[in-house]
Amino acid sequence: MADVTFSGGEKLAKVLRDAGKGGIKSVDVGVFASAKYPDGTPVAAVAIKNEFGKGPIPERPAIRIANKENEKVLIRLIKETVDPETMIITNHIGGLIGANHQGAIQQSIVKLRDPANAASTIKAKKSSNPLVDTGFYKNSITYKVND
């Protein structure tokens, strides 16, 4: 059996080594620690209780639903905006990704209807939407591009 040797490939190796260098590190989307209700309650604490359920509060996974439903849109957005040669995600592209996913989560919060609120909760807050009362939760969904 003959020996096979490959040479070259330095250009490909350099492209792979340099892929993404000079771009952003990440994009965070969700409720940040700075978001608080008027009484000082962290919005993130309430969001976690709603997302995963706790005690009498049933699980209402608006963020996880948005993540799953928006995944293909985000992949398409990245494919359409990222230069395939450099693989650099710029601040601008990070902003597009963040704003897109922020909107998807906010829409998921508004659309979620199941499990429904108890009749007493609907009467008290005058709304049947389980995750929208004052709007603090939905309006606290934001994003940050990390350089």
N, C-alpha and C. Protein backbone atom coordinates (compact mmCIF):
# COMPACT_ATOMS: atom_id res chain seq x y z
N MET A 1 0.85 -1.17 0.00
CA MET A 1 0.00 0.00 0.00
C MET A 1 0.90 1.23 0.00
N ALA A 2 0.56 2.20 -0.82
CA ALA A 2 1.38 3.40 -0.98
C ALA A 2 1.10 4.38 0.15
N ASP A 3 2.15 5.07 0.53
CA ASP A 3 1.98 6.14 1.51
C ASP A 3 1.38 7.36 0.81
N VAL A 4 0.49 8.04 1.51
CA VAL A 4 -0.12 9.25 0.96
C VAL A 4 0.26 10.41 1.87
N THR A 5 0.73 11.46 1.27
CA THR A 5 1.11 12.65 2.05
C THR A 5 0.39 13.85 1.48
N PHE A 6 -0.02 14.71 2.35
CA PHE A 6 -0.64 15.96 1.94
C PHE A 6 0.27 17.10 2.34
N SER A 7 0.33 18.09 1.49
CA SER A 7 1.09 19.28 1.85
C SER A 7 0.23 20.49 1.51
N GLY A 8 0.65 21.61 2.01
CA GLY A 8 -0.14 22.83 1.77
C GLY A 8 -1.24 22.92 2.82
N GLY A 9 -2.27 23.65 2.48
CA GLY A 9 -3.37 23.81 3.42
C GLY A 9 -3.14 24.92 4.42
N GLU A 10 -2.02 25.63 4.29
CA GLU A 10 -1.72 26.71 5.23
C GLU A 10 -2.79 27.80 5.17
N LYS A 11 -3.26 28.08 3.95
CA LYS A 11 -4.27 29.14 3.79
C LYS A 11 -5.57 28.75 4.50
N LEU A 12 -6.00 27.50 4.33
CA LEU A 12 -7.20 27.02 5.00
C LEU A 12 -7.00 27.05 6.51
N ALA A 13 -5.86 26.58 6.97
CA ALA A 13 -5.57 26.58 8.41
C ALA A 13 -5.64 27.99 8.98
N LYS A 14 -5.10 28.97 8.24
CA LYS A 14 -5.14 30.36 8.69
C LYS A 14 -6.58 30.88 8.75
N VAL A 15 -7.37 30.56 7.72
CA VAL A 15 -8.77 30.99 7.71
C VAL A 15 -9.49 30.42 8.92
N LEU A 16 -9.30 29.14 9.20
CA LEU A 16 -9.95 28.51 10.34
C LEU A 16 -9.47 29.09 11.67
N ARG A 17 -8.16 29.37 11.74
CA ARG A 17 -7.59 29.95 12.95
C ARG A 17 -8.14 31.36 13.20
N ASP A 18 -8.31 32.13 12.11
CA ASP A 18 -8.73 33.53 12.23
C ASP A 18 -10.24 33.72 12.19
N ALA A 19 -10.99 32.66 11.94
CA ALA A 19 -12.44 32.78 11.82
C ALA A 19 -13.03 33.43 13.07
N GLY A 20 -13.73 34.49 12.85
CA GLY A 20 -14.43 35.16 13.94
C GLY A 20 -13.59 36.14 14.73
N LYS A 21 -12.29 36.17 14.52
CA LYS A 21 -11.45 37.11 15.28
C LYS A 21 -11.82 38.53 14.89
N GLY A 22 -11.95 39.38 15.88
CA GLY A 22 -12.30 40.77 15.63
C GLY A 22 -13.79 41.02 15.74
N GLY A 23 -14.54 39.98 15.96
CA GLY A 23 -15.99 40.14 16.08
C GLY A 23 -16.41 40.22 17.54
N ILE A 24 -17.70 40.22 17.75
CA ILE A 24 -18.23 40.27 19.11
C ILE A 24 -18.04 38.91 19.78
N LYS A 25 -18.16 38.90 21.11
CA LYS A 25 -18.04 37.65 21.85
C LYS A 25 -19.38 36.93 21.95
N SER A 26 -20.45 37.71 22.19
CA SER A 26 -21.77 37.09 22.37
C SER A 26 -22.86 38.15 22.35
N VAL A 27 -24.09 37.67 22.33
CA VAL A 27 -25.27 38.53 22.47
C VAL A 27 -26.12 37.92 23.57
N ASP A 28 -26.40 38.69 24.60
CA ASP A 28 -27.28 38.24 25.68
C ASP A 28 -28.67 38.81 25.44
N VAL A 29 -29.70 37.97 25.58
CA VAL A 29 -31.08 38.42 25.40
C VAL A 29 -31.89 37.86 26.56
N GLY A 30 -32.66 38.72 27.21
CA GLY A 30 -33.50 38.28 28.31
C GLY A 30 -33.77 39.40 29.28
N VAL A 31 -33.99 39.03 30.54
CA VAL A 31 -34.23 40.00 31.60
C VAL A 31 -32.93 40.16 32.38
N PHE A 32 -32.42 41.36 32.44
CA PHE A 32 -31.17 41.62 33.15
C PHE A 32 -31.43 41.98 34.61
N ALA A 33 -30.43 41.82 35.43
CA ALA A 33 -30.55 42.04 36.88
C ALA A 33 -31.00 43.46 37.23
N SER A 34 -30.73 44.41 36.37
CA SER A 34 -31.09 45.80 36.65
C SER A 34 -32.59 46.06 36.55
N ALA A 35 -33.35 45.19 35.91
CA ALA A 35 -34.79 45.39 35.74
C ALA A 35 -35.52 45.08 37.04
N LYS A 36 -36.26 46.07 37.53
CA LYS A 36 -36.98 45.90 38.80
C LYS A 36 -38.39 46.47 38.67
N TYR A 37 -39.32 45.84 39.39
CA TYR A 37 -40.67 46.38 39.50
C TYR A 37 -40.61 47.61 40.40
N PRO A 38 -41.65 48.45 40.39
CA PRO A 38 -41.63 49.66 41.23
C PRO A 38 -41.37 49.39 42.72
N ASP A 39 -41.77 48.20 43.20
CA ASP A 39 -41.53 47.88 44.61
C ASP A 39 -40.14 47.32 44.87
N GLY A 40 -39.30 47.24 43.82
CA GLY A 40 -37.93 46.75 43.97
C GLY A 40 -37.75 45.28 43.66
N THR A 41 -38.83 44.55 43.43
CA THR A 41 -38.73 43.13 43.10
C THR A 41 -38.02 42.96 41.77
N PRO A 42 -36.99 42.11 41.72
CA PRO A 42 -36.32 41.87 40.43
C PRO A 42 -37.26 41.19 39.43
N VAL A 43 -37.36 41.75 38.24
CA VAL A 43 -38.20 41.16 37.20
C VAL A 43 -37.70 39.76 36.86
N ALA A 44 -36.39 39.56 36.90
CA ALA A 44 -35.81 38.25 36.57
C ALA A 44 -36.33 37.17 37.53
N ALA A 45 -36.51 37.50 38.80
CA ALA A 45 -37.00 36.52 39.77
C ALA A 45 -38.42 36.09 39.42
N VAL A 46 -39.25 37.04 39.03
CA VAL A 46 -40.63 36.72 38.63
C VAL A 46 -40.63 35.95 37.32
N ALA A 47 -39.75 36.34 36.40
CA ALA A 47 -39.65 35.66 35.10
C ALA A 47 -39.28 34.19 35.29
N ILE A 48 -38.34 33.92 36.19
CA ILE A 48 -37.92 32.53 36.45
C ILE A 48 -39.07 31.72 37.03
N LYS A 49 -39.82 32.31 37.96
CA LYS A 49 -40.98 31.61 38.54
C LYS A 49 -42.00 31.28 37.46
N ASN A 50 -42.22 32.22 36.55
CA ASN A 50 -43.17 31.96 35.48
C ASN A 50 -42.63 30.95 34.47
N GLU A 51 -41.37 31.07 34.13
CA GLU A 51 -40.76 30.19 33.12
C GLU A 51 -40.78 28.72 33.57
N PHE A 52 -40.44 28.48 34.84
CA PHE A 52 -40.30 27.11 35.32
C PHE A 52 -41.38 26.67 36.30
N GLY A 53 -42.20 27.62 36.75
CA GLY A 53 -43.23 27.32 37.72
C GLY A 53 -42.65 27.21 39.12
N LYS A 54 -43.45 27.60 40.11
CA LYS A 54 -43.01 27.48 41.49
C LYS A 54 -44.23 27.55 42.38
N GLY A 55 -44.40 26.55 43.23
CA GLY A 55 -45.56 26.51 44.11
C GLY A 55 -46.84 26.50 43.30
N PRO A 56 -47.74 27.43 43.59
CA PRO A 56 -49.01 27.45 42.85
C PRO A 56 -48.89 28.03 41.44
N ILE A 57 -47.74 28.59 41.10
CA ILE A 57 -47.55 29.20 39.78
C ILE A 57 -47.16 28.10 38.80
N PRO A 58 -48.00 27.85 37.78
CA PRO A 58 -47.64 26.80 36.82
C PRO A 58 -46.55 27.27 35.85
N GLU A 59 -45.89 26.31 35.25
CA GLU A 59 -44.84 26.58 34.27
C GLU A 59 -45.45 27.26 33.04
N ARG A 60 -44.87 28.42 32.69
CA ARG A 60 -45.28 29.15 31.48
C ARG A 60 -44.01 29.54 30.73
N PRO A 61 -43.48 28.62 29.92
CA PRO A 61 -42.15 28.76 29.33
C PRO A 61 -42.07 29.65 28.09
N ALA A 62 -42.43 30.90 28.21
CA ALA A 62 -42.43 31.82 27.07
C ALA A 62 -41.04 31.97 26.45
N ILE A 63 -40.01 32.04 27.27
CA ILE A 63 -38.65 32.23 26.74
C ILE A 63 -38.20 30.96 26.01
N ARG A 64 -38.44 29.80 26.60
CA ARG A 64 -38.04 28.56 25.94
C ARG A 64 -38.82 28.33 24.65
N ILE A 65 -40.08 28.71 24.63
CA ILE A 65 -40.88 28.59 23.41
C ILE A 65 -40.29 29.50 22.33
N ALA A 66 -39.98 30.74 22.70
CA ALA A 66 -39.39 31.68 21.73
C ALA A 66 -38.05 31.16 21.22
N ASN A 67 -37.23 30.62 22.11
CA ASN A 67 -35.93 30.08 21.69
C ASN A 67 -36.11 29.00 20.63
N LYS A 68 -37.04 28.11 20.87
CA LYS A 68 -37.26 27.01 19.93
C LYS A 68 -37.86 27.51 18.62
N GLU A 69 -38.88 28.36 18.72
CA GLU A 69 -39.57 28.83 17.51
C GLU A 69 -38.71 29.78 16.68
N ASN A 70 -37.79 30.50 17.31
CA ASN A 70 -37.00 31.52 16.59
C ASN A 70 -35.64 31.00 16.12
N GLU A 71 -35.29 29.78 16.47
CA GLU A 71 -33.97 29.24 16.14
C GLU A 71 -33.67 29.30 14.65
N LYS A 72 -34.59 28.85 13.81
CA LYS A 72 -34.35 28.83 12.37
C LYS A 72 -34.24 30.25 11.81
N VAL A 73 -35.01 31.17 12.35
CA VAL A 73 -34.94 32.57 11.90
C VAL A 73 -33.56 33.14 12.23
N LEU A 74 -33.06 32.87 13.43
CA LEU A 74 -31.74 33.38 13.82
C LEU A 74 -30.64 32.76 12.96
N ILE A 75 -30.73 31.48 12.68
CA ILE A 75 -29.73 30.83 11.83
C ILE A 75 -29.74 31.46 10.44
N ARG A 76 -30.93 31.68 9.89
CA ARG A 76 -31.03 32.31 8.57
C ARG A 76 -30.45 33.73 8.60
N LEU A 77 -30.75 34.47 9.66
CA LEU A 77 -30.24 35.84 9.81
C LEU A 77 -28.71 35.83 9.84
N ILE A 78 -28.13 34.92 10.57
CA ILE A 78 -26.67 34.82 10.65
C ILE A 78 -26.09 34.43 9.29
N LYS A 79 -26.70 33.46 8.63
CA LYS A 79 -26.21 33.04 7.31
C LYS A 79 -26.27 34.19 6.31
N GLU A 80 -27.30 35.02 6.41
CA GLU A 80 -27.48 36.12 5.45
C GLU A 80 -26.58 37.32 5.74
N THR A 81 -26.10 37.45 6.96
CA THR A 81 -25.36 38.67 7.32
C THR A 81 -23.88 38.46 7.58
N VAL A 82 -23.47 37.26 7.94
CA VAL A 82 -22.07 37.02 8.29
C VAL A 82 -21.28 36.67 7.03
N ASP A 83 -20.15 37.33 6.85
CA ASP A 83 -19.25 37.05 5.72
C ASP A 83 -18.68 35.65 5.91
N PRO A 84 -18.95 34.73 4.97
CA PRO A 84 -18.49 33.35 5.15
C PRO A 84 -16.97 33.20 5.13
N GLU A 85 -16.26 34.17 4.61
CA GLU A 85 -14.80 34.08 4.59
C GLU A 85 -14.19 34.46 5.94
N THR A 86 -14.72 35.50 6.56
CA THR A 86 -14.13 35.96 7.83
C THR A 86 -14.86 35.40 9.04
N MET A 87 -16.15 35.06 8.87
CA MET A 87 -16.99 34.57 9.97
C MET A 87 -17.08 35.57 11.12
N ILE A 88 -16.91 36.84 10.83
CA ILE A 88 -16.95 37.86 11.88
C ILE A 88 -18.37 38.34 12.08
N ILE A 89 -18.82 38.28 13.31
CA ILE A 89 -20.11 38.84 13.68
C ILE A 89 -19.83 40.22 14.27
N THR A 90 -20.19 41.24 13.52
CA THR A 90 -19.92 42.63 13.93
C THR A 90 -20.94 43.08 14.98
N ASN A 91 -20.70 44.25 15.57
CA ASN A 91 -21.65 44.84 16.51
C ASN A 91 -23.01 45.03 15.84
N HIS A 92 -22.99 45.47 14.58
CA HIS A 92 -24.24 45.68 13.86
C HIS A 92 -25.03 44.37 13.73
N ILE A 93 -24.34 43.31 13.33
CA ILE A 93 -25.00 42.01 13.19
C ILE A 93 -25.48 41.52 14.56
N GLY A 94 -24.66 41.70 15.58
CA GLY A 94 -25.07 41.33 16.94
C GLY A 94 -26.33 42.07 17.36
N GLY A 95 -26.42 43.35 16.98
CA GLY A 95 -27.61 44.14 17.27
C GLY A 95 -28.84 43.60 16.55
N LEU A 96 -28.66 43.18 15.30
CA LEU A 96 -29.77 42.60 14.55
C LEU A 96 -30.25 41.30 15.21
N ILE A 97 -29.29 40.48 15.61
CA ILE A 97 -29.62 39.21 16.27
C ILE A 97 -30.36 39.49 17.59
N GLY A 98 -29.80 40.41 18.39
CA GLY A 98 -30.40 40.73 19.68
C GLY A 98 -31.81 41.30 19.55
N ALA A 99 -31.98 42.26 18.65
CA ALA A 99 -33.29 42.88 18.46
C ALA A 99 -34.31 41.85 17.95
N ASN A 100 -33.88 40.99 17.04
CA ASN A 100 -34.78 39.97 16.52
C ASN A 100 -35.26 39.05 17.64
N HIS A 101 -34.32 38.58 18.45
CA HIS A 101 -34.71 37.62 19.49
C HIS A 101 -35.46 38.30 20.62
N GLN A 102 -35.13 39.54 20.92
CA GLN A 102 -35.89 40.31 21.92
C GLN A 102 -37.36 40.35 21.49
N GLY A 103 -37.61 40.69 20.23
CA GLY A 103 -38.98 40.75 19.72
C GLY A 103 -39.68 39.40 19.77
N ALA A 104 -38.94 38.34 19.46
CA ALA A 104 -39.53 36.99 19.48
C ALA A 104 -39.96 36.61 20.89
N ILE A 105 -39.13 36.93 21.89
CA ILE A 105 -39.49 36.61 23.28
C ILE A 105 -40.68 37.46 23.72
N GLN A 106 -40.66 38.74 23.41
CA GLN A 106 -41.77 39.61 23.78
C GLN A 106 -43.08 39.12 23.16
N GLN A 107 -43.02 38.73 21.90
CA GLN A 107 -44.21 38.21 21.22
C GLN A 107 -44.68 36.92 21.89
N SER A 108 -43.76 36.07 22.29
CA SER A 108 -44.11 34.82 22.96
C SER A 108 -44.79 35.09 24.29
N ILE A 109 -44.32 36.10 25.01
CA ILE A 109 -44.94 36.47 26.29
C ILE A 109 -46.39 36.90 26.07
N VAL A 110 -46.62 37.70 25.06
CA VAL A 110 -47.97 38.19 24.76
C VAL A 110 -48.88 37.07 24.25
N LYS A 111 -48.34 36.17 23.42
CA LYS A 111 -49.14 35.09 22.82
C LYS A 111 -49.50 33.98 23.79
N LEU A 112 -48.66 33.74 24.80
CA LEU A 112 -48.86 32.60 25.69
C LEU A 112 -50.21 32.71 26.42
N ARG A 113 -51.00 31.68 26.34
CA ARG A 113 -52.31 31.67 26.98
C ARG A 113 -52.54 30.45 27.87
N ASP A 114 -51.63 29.48 27.80
CA ASP A 114 -51.85 28.23 28.50
C ASP A 114 -50.62 27.89 29.33
N PRO A 115 -50.77 27.55 30.58
CA PRO A 115 -52.02 27.42 31.31
C PRO A 115 -52.62 28.80 31.65
N ALA A 116 -53.92 28.83 31.61
CA ALA A 116 -54.65 30.08 31.87
C ALA A 116 -54.54 30.49 33.33
N ASN A 117 -54.78 31.75 33.57
CA ASN A 117 -54.84 32.24 34.94
C ASN A 117 -56.09 31.68 35.62
N ALA A 118 -56.03 31.59 36.93
CA ALA A 118 -57.21 31.22 37.71
C ALA A 118 -58.23 32.35 37.59
N ALA A 119 -59.48 32.01 37.74
CA ALA A 119 -60.56 33.02 37.65
C ALA A 119 -60.32 34.17 38.62
N SER A 120 -59.83 33.86 39.81
CA SER A 120 -59.57 34.91 40.80
C SER A 120 -58.45 35.85 40.34
N THR A 121 -57.45 35.31 39.66
CA THR A 121 -56.35 36.13 39.14
C THR A 121 -56.85 37.02 38.01
N ILE A 122 -57.66 36.47 37.13
CA ILE A 122 -58.22 37.25 36.03
C ILE A 122 -59.04 38.41 36.58
N LYS A 123 -59.84 38.14 37.60
CA LYS A 123 -60.67 39.18 38.21
C LYS A 123 -59.80 40.26 38.87
N ALA A 124 -58.74 39.84 39.56
CA ALA A 124 -57.88 40.79 40.27
C ALA A 124 -57.07 41.66 39.31
N LYS A 125 -56.55 41.08 38.25
CA LYS A 125 -55.71 41.89 37.36
C LYS A 125 -56.46 42.39 36.12
N LYS A 126 -57.72 41.98 36.00
CA LYS A 126 -58.57 42.42 34.89
C LYS A 126 -57.99 42.08 33.52
N SER A 127 -57.34 40.91 33.45
CA SER A 127 -56.75 40.43 32.20
C SER A 127 -56.65 38.92 32.26
N SER A 128 -56.88 38.28 31.13
CA SER A 128 -56.75 36.83 31.09
C SER A 128 -55.39 36.38 30.59
N ASN A 129 -54.56 37.34 30.16
CA ASN A 129 -53.23 36.97 29.66
C ASN A 129 -52.35 36.61 30.86
N PRO A 130 -51.88 35.36 30.92
CA PRO A 130 -51.12 34.92 32.10
C PRO A 130 -49.83 35.70 32.38
N LEU A 131 -49.15 36.20 31.35
CA LEU A 131 -47.86 36.83 31.57
C LEU A 131 -47.86 38.34 31.38
N VAL A 132 -49.02 38.91 31.08
CA VAL A 132 -49.06 40.36 30.89
C VAL A 132 -50.03 40.95 31.89
N ASP A 133 -49.49 41.80 32.74
CA ASP A 133 -50.29 42.52 33.72
C ASP A 133 -49.93 43.99 33.56
N THR A 134 -48.81 44.37 34.14
CA THR A 134 -48.35 45.76 34.05
C THR A 134 -47.50 46.01 32.82
N GLY A 135 -46.98 44.95 32.22
CA GLY A 135 -46.11 45.08 31.06
C GLY A 135 -44.63 45.11 31.43
N PHE A 136 -44.32 45.09 32.73
CA PHE A 136 -42.91 45.14 33.14
C PHE A 136 -42.11 43.95 32.62
N TYR A 137 -42.70 42.77 32.68
CA TYR A 137 -41.97 41.58 32.23
C TYR A 137 -41.63 41.70 30.76
N LYS A 138 -42.65 41.91 29.93
CA LYS A 138 -42.43 42.02 28.48
C LYS A 138 -41.47 43.15 28.16
N ASN A 139 -41.63 44.29 28.79
CA ASN A 139 -40.79 45.45 28.49
C ASN A 139 -39.39 45.34 29.08
N SER A 140 -39.20 44.38 29.98
CA SER A 140 -37.86 44.16 30.56
C SER A 140 -37.02 43.22 29.72
N ILE A 141 -37.59 42.62 28.70
CA ILE A 141 -36.79 41.78 27.79
C ILE A 141 -35.97 42.72 26.92
N THR A 142 -34.68 42.56 26.99
CA THR A 142 -33.78 43.42 26.22
C THR A 142 -32.57 42.61 25.79
N TYR A 143 -31.63 43.25 25.15
CA TYR A 143 -30.42 42.54 24.72
C TYR A 143 -29.20 43.40 24.91
N LYS A 144 -28.04 42.71 24.93
CA LYS A 144 -26.75 43.38 25.06
C LYS A 144 -25.76 42.66 24.18
N VAL A 145 -25.06 43.44 23.35
CA VAL A 145 -24.00 42.89 22.51
C VAL A 145 -22.70 43.01 23.30
N ASN A 146 -22.00 41.89 23.46
CA ASN A 146 -20.76 41.86 24.24
C ASN A 146 -19.56 41.85 23.31
N ASP A 147 -18.77 42.91 23.39
CA ASP A 147 -17.57 43.05 22.54
C ASP A 147 -16.47 42.10 22.98
